[in-house]
Amino acid sequence: MKLSTRTRYGARAALEMARSWGKGPTKRHDISERQAISKAYLENILITLKSSGLVRTACGAKGGFTLSRAPETISLLDVFNALEGDMAPVDCTVKPGSCLRSADCVMRRVYERLRKAQEGVLKAYTLQDLVNDSARGERADFSI
């Protein structure tokens, strides 16, 4: 599995909002500056996160972006699925009828285990977990 730049940047943006949780909205400019993401590209990512229900916007001078739920309730799987869509390695693991061979395919079992493993890892980490890791000095730059 290779993650797109969009997903890596989106995870970093979500982490910035998680760091600001409870302190008010985070400005797009601040996310862009802290994470070295162009404002135009970031805007596209934030729109996707908003349409997925993970992010809310607030207008006005004190406006910006905020997570729609507490960081401890948002997993990396939530963020990745919002930005990548279904991350199954092959379609037959989520839509068995998409392949005529899926019922007899030995490889399908491998692909299914791969899908479940990656989902398990991503579901195991919440944004709050990563904020906590950062506070302890682990991955302080939020590089993903």
Protein backbone atom coordinates (compact mmCIF):
# COMPACT_ATOMS: atom_id res chain seq x y z
CA MET A 1 0.00 0.00 0.00
CA LYS A 2 1.36 3.37 -0.97
CA LEU A 3 -0.37 6.39 0.49
CA SER A 4 -1.06 9.41 -1.64
CA THR A 5 0.41 12.79 -0.77
CA ARG A 6 -3.16 13.94 -0.22
CA THR A 7 -3.66 11.35 2.53
CA ARG A 8 -0.31 12.04 4.19
CA TYR A 9 -0.95 15.78 4.19
CA GLY A 10 -4.54 15.27 5.31
CA ALA A 11 -3.39 13.23 8.29
CA ARG A 12 -0.94 15.98 9.21
CA ALA A 13 -3.70 18.60 8.92
CA ALA A 14 -6.00 16.49 11.11
CA LEU A 15 -3.22 16.20 13.68
CA GLU A 16 -2.82 19.97 13.74
CA MET A 17 -6.53 20.31 14.48
CA ALA A 18 -6.26 17.61 17.14
CA ARG A 19 -3.45 19.54 18.82
CA SER A 20 -5.77 22.57 18.97
CA TRP A 21 -8.79 20.61 20.20
CA GLY A 22 -10.65 22.59 22.85
CA LYS A 23 -8.75 25.80 22.07
CA GLY A 24 -10.90 26.97 19.16
CA PRO A 25 -10.64 26.64 15.39
CA THR A 26 -7.30 26.29 13.63
CA LYS A 27 -6.67 28.66 10.75
CA ARG A 28 -5.85 27.17 7.37
CA HIS A 29 -2.86 29.51 7.17
CA ASP A 30 -1.47 28.10 10.45
CA ILE A 31 -1.87 24.49 9.29
CA SER A 32 -0.25 25.39 5.98
CA GLU A 33 2.71 27.08 7.67
CA ARG A 34 3.29 24.46 10.37
CA GLN A 35 3.03 21.52 7.98
CA ALA A 36 4.54 23.09 4.85
CA ILE A 37 1.45 22.34 2.74
CA SER A 38 0.42 24.80 0.05
CA LYS A 39 -2.74 26.69 0.96
CA ALA A 40 -4.50 25.71 -2.25
CA TYR A 41 -3.74 22.00 -1.82
CA LEU A 42 -4.68 22.15 1.85
CA GLU A 43 -7.99 23.81 1.00
CA ASN A 44 -8.89 20.86 -1.24
CA ILE A 45 -7.99 18.41 1.54
CA LEU A 46 -9.98 20.32 4.16
CA ILE A 47 -13.03 20.40 1.88
CA THR A 48 -12.85 16.62 1.57
CA LEU A 49 -12.46 16.18 5.34
CA LYS A 50 -15.42 18.50 5.87
CA SER A 51 -17.63 16.67 3.38
CA SER A 52 -16.76 13.39 5.10
CA GLY A 53 -17.98 14.81 8.41
CA LEU A 54 -14.60 14.77 10.17
CA VAL A 55 -14.06 18.55 10.10
CA ARG A 56 -16.23 21.61 10.71
CA THR A 57 -15.64 25.20 9.71
CA ALA A 58 -16.26 28.36 11.64
CA CYS A 59 -16.55 31.70 9.84
CA GLY A 60 -15.36 35.08 10.94
CA ALA A 61 -12.21 36.61 12.36
CA LYS A 62 -11.83 33.81 14.91
CA GLY A 63 -12.91 31.16 12.44
CA GLY A 64 -11.06 28.26 10.96
CA PHE A 65 -11.25 24.50 11.02
CA THR A 66 -11.92 22.14 13.88
CA LEU A 67 -12.48 18.42 14.23
CA SER A 68 -16.15 17.49 14.39
CA ARG A 69 -15.48 14.98 17.18
CA ALA A 70 -12.96 14.62 19.96
CA PRO A 71 -9.53 13.43 18.75
CA GLU A 72 -9.77 10.25 20.80
CA THR A 73 -12.79 9.20 18.71
CA ILE A 74 -11.17 9.71 15.31
CA SER A 75 -8.90 6.94 14.10
CA LEU A 76 -6.35 7.16 11.35
CA LEU A 77 -8.61 4.75 9.47
CA ASP A 78 -11.36 7.40 9.55
CA VAL A 79 -8.99 10.01 8.12
CA PHE A 80 -7.48 7.70 5.51
CA ASN A 81 -10.87 6.42 4.35
CA ALA A 82 -12.14 9.99 4.00
CA LEU A 83 -9.20 10.91 1.78
CA GLU A 84 -8.45 7.66 -0.06
CA GLY A 85 -11.82 5.99 -0.11
CA ASP A 86 -11.83 2.24 0.39
CA MET A 87 -8.24 1.14 0.81
CA ALA A 88 -8.77 -2.51 -0.05
CA PRO A 89 -5.79 -3.87 -2.01
CA VAL A 90 -8.17 -5.41 -4.57
CA ASP A 91 -11.90 -4.95 -5.16
CA CYS A 92 -12.86 -8.56 -4.51
CA THR A 93 -12.09 -8.23 -0.78
CA VAL A 94 -15.01 -5.84 -0.34
CA LYS A 95 -17.10 -6.78 -3.40
CA PRO A 96 -16.76 -10.54 -3.99
CA GLY A 97 -18.96 -10.36 -7.08
CA SER A 98 -16.52 -7.99 -8.78
CA CYS A 99 -14.38 -10.93 -9.88
CA LEU A 100 -15.59 -14.18 -11.38
CA ARG A 101 -12.76 -16.04 -9.64
CA SER A 102 -13.26 -14.66 -6.13
CA ALA A 103 -15.05 -17.77 -4.82
CA ASP A 104 -12.14 -20.05 -5.76
CA CYS A 105 -9.21 -17.65 -5.62
CA VAL A 106 -6.46 -18.63 -3.21
CA MET A 107 -4.97 -15.14 -3.41
CA ARG A 108 -8.23 -13.55 -2.27
CA ARG A 109 -7.61 -14.93 1.23
CA VAL A 110 -4.20 -13.26 1.27
CA TYR A 111 -5.64 -9.98 0.02
CA GLU A 112 -8.39 -10.16 2.65
CA ARG A 113 -5.84 -10.69 5.44
CA LEU A 114 -3.81 -7.77 4.11
CA ARG A 115 -6.89 -5.52 4.09
CA LYS A 116 -7.87 -6.52 7.63
CA ALA A 117 -4.31 -6.05 8.90
CA GLN A 118 -3.92 -2.55 7.49
CA GLU A 119 -7.38 -1.57 8.73
CA GLY A 120 -6.52 -2.95 12.17
CA VAL A 121 -3.33 -0.91 12.39
CA LEU A 122 -5.02 2.29 11.25
CA LYS A 123 -8.01 1.76 13.53
CA ALA A 124 -5.67 1.20 16.51
CA TYR A 125 -4.33 4.75 16.37
CA THR A 126 -6.48 7.76 17.15
CA LEU A 127 -5.50 11.35 16.54
CA GLN A 128 -5.26 11.75 20.32
CA ASP A 129 -2.77 8.86 20.50
CA LEU A 130 -0.54 10.71 18.06
CA VAL A 131 -0.92 14.01 19.89
CA ASN A 132 0.10 12.20 23.09
CA ASP A 133 3.09 10.63 21.33
CA SER A 134 4.13 14.07 20.16
CA ALA A 135 3.89 15.47 23.68
CA ARG A 136 6.30 12.74 24.80
CA GLY A 137 8.70 13.67 22.03
CA GLU A 138 7.78 10.87 19.67
CA ARG A 139 7.19 11.99 16.07
CA ALA A 140 7.20 15.60 17.20
CA ASP A 141 7.02 16.88 13.64
CA PHE A 142 3.96 14.71 12.86
CA SER A 143 5.75 13.18 9.90
CA ILE A 144 3.67 10.39 8.45
